[in-house]
Amino acid sequence: MNKKELKDLIKKKESQSLEFKRNLENIGKSICSFANSNNGIILVGIDDKGSIIGTKKKFEREIANIAHTCKPSIYPEIKEVKVDDKIALTVKVKKSGSLHSYKNIAR
C-alpha cells in the first residue's frame, strides 16, 4: 500500500471491515474479530477522526506476536506506509475457516 492508497482508505472512514487505532490497545481483539467475521484492515497510527498521528516501526513485530497469541494463531499481513515523516502500519486480516479466541474469548 502506498501513501495515496492509505489516504483513500482513511477517507472511507471506519466500517465493518476497516478500523483505526492510535496505538496497540485492544488490537488482539480486533485481529481475532476480523478473522472470525470478515476480511478487515486495521490502520495503526490513525486516530478515530482519520488523522495520521504515526506509530513506531517496532510495533510491527509486536502486532505479529499478539496475533500469534490468538488460538489458533492468526497471521495477518503487516506493512509499513510512510506519510510525510510519520509511519502508519496496515494490518490485513483474512477471514478464517476456524473459530479464533483471544485471551480465551472468541471475539
C-alpha atoms as a PDB file:
ATOM      1  CA  MET A   1       0.000   0.000   0.000  1.00  0.00           C
ATOM      2  CA  ASN A   2       1.337   3.424  -0.849  1.00  0.00           C
ATOM      3  CA  LYS A   3       0.652   6.842   0.686  1.00  0.00           C
ATOM      4  CA  LYS A   4      -2.212   7.666  -1.713  1.00  0.00           C
ATOM      5  CA  GLU A   5      -3.928   4.305  -1.145  1.00  0.00           C
ATOM      6  CA  LEU A   6      -3.677   4.821   2.621  1.00  0.00           C
ATOM      7  CA  LYS A   7      -5.216   8.295   2.407  1.00  0.00           C
ATOM      8  CA  ASP A   8      -8.007   6.990   0.148  1.00  0.00           C
ATOM      9  CA  LEU A   9      -8.733   4.213   2.659  1.00  0.00           C
ATOM     10  CA  ILE A  10      -8.861   6.708   5.540  1.00  0.00           C
ATOM     11  CA  LYS A  11     -11.401   8.809   3.600  1.00  0.00           C
ATOM     12  CA  LYS A  12     -13.768   5.821   3.588  1.00  0.00           C
ATOM     13  CA  LYS A  13     -13.938   6.057   7.404  1.00  0.00           C
ATOM     14  CA  GLU A  14     -14.227   3.201   9.870  1.00  0.00           C
ATOM     15  CA  SER A  15     -16.604   0.406   8.971  1.00  0.00           C
ATOM     16  CA  GLN A  16     -17.275  -3.292   9.477  1.00  0.00           C
ATOM     17  CA  SER A  17     -14.066  -4.019   7.559  1.00  0.00           C
ATOM     18  CA  LEU A  18     -11.883  -1.013   8.488  1.00  0.00           C
ATOM     19  CA  GLU A  19     -10.668   0.073  11.911  1.00  0.00           C
ATOM     20  CA  PHE A  20      -8.385   2.908  13.013  1.00  0.00           C
ATOM     21  CA  LYS A  21      -6.051   2.519  16.004  1.00  0.00           C
ATOM     22  CA  ARG A  22      -3.961   5.227  17.671  1.00  0.00           C
ATOM     23  CA  ASN A  23      -1.903   2.531  19.378  1.00  0.00           C
ATOM     24  CA  LEU A  24      -1.938  -1.216  20.025  1.00  0.00           C
ATOM     25  CA  GLU A  25      -4.665  -1.150  22.679  1.00  0.00           C
ATOM     26  CA  ASN A  26      -7.144  -3.997  22.037  1.00  0.00           C
ATOM     27  CA  ILE A  27      -5.522  -4.866  18.706  1.00  0.00           C
ATOM     28  CA  GLY A  28      -5.590  -8.577  19.548  1.00  0.00           C
ATOM     29  CA  LYS A  29      -9.350  -8.397  19.981  1.00  0.00           C
ATOM     30  CA  SER A  30      -9.706  -6.607  16.626  1.00  0.00           C
ATOM     31  CA  ILE A  31      -7.492  -9.089  14.782  1.00  0.00           C
ATOM     32  CA  CYS A  32      -9.426 -12.016  16.219  1.00  0.00           C
ATOM     33  CA  SER A  33     -12.771 -10.390  15.387  1.00  0.00           C
ATOM     34  CA  PHE A  34     -11.850  -9.874  11.734  1.00  0.00           C
ATOM     35  CA  ALA A  35     -10.565 -13.450  11.437  1.00  0.00           C
ATOM     36  CA  ASN A  36     -13.883 -14.721  12.833  1.00  0.00           C
ATOM     37  CA  SER A  37     -16.201 -12.497  10.806  1.00  0.00           C
ATOM     38  CA  ASN A  38     -14.907 -10.955   7.590  1.00  0.00           C
ATOM     39  CA  ASN A  39     -11.749  -9.698   5.926  1.00  0.00           C
ATOM     40  CA  GLY A  40     -10.606  -6.479   7.529  1.00  0.00           C
ATOM     41  CA  ILE A  41      -7.890  -3.870   7.700  1.00  0.00           C
ATOM     42  CA  ILE A  42      -6.613  -2.220  10.854  1.00  0.00           C
ATOM     43  CA  LEU A  43      -4.702   1.038  10.409  1.00  0.00           C
ATOM     44  CA  VAL A  44      -2.328   1.671  13.318  1.00  0.00           C
ATOM     45  CA  GLY A  45      -1.182   5.250  13.857  1.00  0.00           C
ATOM     46  CA  ILE A  46      -4.523   6.727  12.760  1.00  0.00           C
ATOM     47  CA  ASP A  47      -6.874   8.356  15.261  1.00  0.00           C
ATOM     48  CA  ASP A  48     -10.666   7.975  15.301  1.00  0.00           C
ATOM     49  CA  LYS A  49     -11.067  11.141  13.224  1.00  0.00           C
ATOM     50  CA  GLY A  50      -8.822   9.743  10.478  1.00  0.00           C
ATOM     51  CA  SER A  51      -5.785  11.893  11.257  1.00  0.00           C
ATOM     52  CA  ILE A  52      -2.394  10.301  10.706  1.00  0.00           C
ATOM     53  CA  ILE A  53      -0.646  10.585  14.066  1.00  0.00           C
ATOM     54  CA  GLY A  54       2.017   7.985  13.350  1.00  0.00           C
ATOM     55  CA  THR A  55       3.344   4.992  15.225  1.00  0.00           C
ATOM     56  CA  LYS A  56       6.632   3.149  15.705  1.00  0.00           C
ATOM     57  CA  LYS A  57       8.047   0.634  13.236  1.00  0.00           C
ATOM     58  CA  LYS A  58       8.890  -1.708  16.138  1.00  0.00           C
ATOM     59  CA  PHE A  59       5.145  -2.209  16.683  1.00  0.00           C
ATOM     60  CA  GLU A  60       5.100  -4.324  13.512  1.00  0.00           C
ATOM     61  CA  ARG A  61       6.738  -7.183  15.430  1.00  0.00           C
ATOM     62  CA  GLU A  62       4.525  -6.632  18.481  1.00  0.00           C
ATOM     63  CA  ILE A  63       1.386  -6.852  16.330  1.00  0.00           C
ATOM     64  CA  ALA A  64       2.593 -10.132  14.820  1.00  0.00           C
ATOM     65  CA  ASN A  65       3.326 -11.511  18.290  1.00  0.00           C
ATOM     66  CA  ILE A  66      -0.126 -10.506  19.543  1.00  0.00           C
ATOM     67  CA  ALA A  67      -1.785 -12.137  16.505  1.00  0.00           C
ATOM     68  CA  HIS A  68       0.138 -15.333  17.204  1.00  0.00           C
ATOM     69  CA  THR A  69      -1.280 -15.460  20.743  1.00  0.00           C
ATOM     70  CA  CYS A  70      -4.765 -15.929  19.294  1.00  0.00           C
ATOM     71  CA  LYS A  71      -5.909 -19.551  19.407  1.00  0.00           C
ATOM     72  CA  PRO A  72      -5.360 -20.817  16.760  1.00  0.00           C
ATOM     73  CA  SER A  73      -2.696 -18.327  15.678  1.00  0.00           C
ATOM     74  CA  ILE A  74      -3.545 -15.675  13.095  1.00  0.00           C
ATOM     75  CA  TYR A  75      -1.018 -14.478  10.524  1.00  0.00           C
ATOM     76  CA  PRO A  76      -2.025 -11.011   9.284  1.00  0.00           C
ATOM     77  CA  GLU A  77      -0.193  -9.167   6.533  1.00  0.00           C
ATOM     78  CA  ILE A  78       1.518  -6.189   8.187  1.00  0.00           C
ATOM     79  CA  LYS A  79       3.025  -3.387   6.120  1.00  0.00           C
ATOM     80  CA  GLU A  80       4.567  -0.020   6.837  1.00  0.00           C
ATOM     81  CA  VAL A  81       3.414   3.102   4.991  1.00  0.00           C
ATOM     82  CA  LYS A  82       5.347   6.364   5.315  1.00  0.00           C
ATOM     83  CA  VAL A  83       3.368   9.576   5.119  1.00  0.00           C
ATOM     84  CA  ASP A  84       5.498  12.687   5.401  1.00  0.00           C
ATOM     85  CA  ASP A  85       7.635  11.974   8.482  1.00  0.00           C
ATOM     86  CA  LYS A  86       5.139   9.591  10.063  1.00  0.00           C
ATOM     87  CA  ILE A  87       4.738   5.816   9.916  1.00  0.00           C
ATOM     88  CA  ALA A  88       1.390   4.050   9.733  1.00  0.00           C
ATOM     89  CA  LEU A  89       1.024   0.276   9.839  1.00  0.00           C
ATOM     90  CA  THR A  90      -1.592  -1.604   7.847  1.00  0.00           C
ATOM     91  CA  VAL A  91      -2.735  -4.910   9.292  1.00  0.00           C
ATOM     92  CA  LYS A  92      -4.716  -7.003   6.794  1.00  0.00           C
ATOM     93  CA  VAL A  93      -6.634  -9.880   8.354  1.00  0.00           C
ATOM     94  CA  LYS A  94      -8.328 -12.535   6.254  1.00  0.00           C
ATOM     95  CA  LYS A  95     -11.464 -14.302   7.378  1.00  0.00           C
ATOM     96  CA  SER A  96     -10.544 -17.743   8.625  1.00  0.00           C
ATOM     97  CA  GLY A  97     -12.389 -21.018   8.394  1.00  0.00           C
ATOM     98  CA  SER A  98     -11.613 -21.608  12.085  1.00  0.00           C
ATOM     99  CA  LEU A  99     -13.068 -20.036  15.208  1.00  0.00           C
ATOM    100  CA  HIS A 100     -10.403 -17.947  16.936  1.00  0.00           C
ATOM    101  CA  SER A 101     -10.170 -16.720  20.501  1.00  0.00           C
ATOM    102  CA  TYR A 102      -8.063 -14.019  22.085  1.00  0.00           C
ATOM    103  CA  LYS A 103      -7.326 -14.310  25.811  1.00  0.00           C
ATOM    104  CA  ASN A 104      -9.644 -17.344  25.840  1.00  0.00           C
ATOM    105  CA  ILE A 105     -12.640 -15.415  24.499  1.00  0.00           C
ATOM    106  CA  ALA A 106     -13.999 -15.863  20.974  1.00  0.00           C
ATOM    107  CA  ARG A 107     -14.406 -12.386  19.583  1.00  0.00           C
END
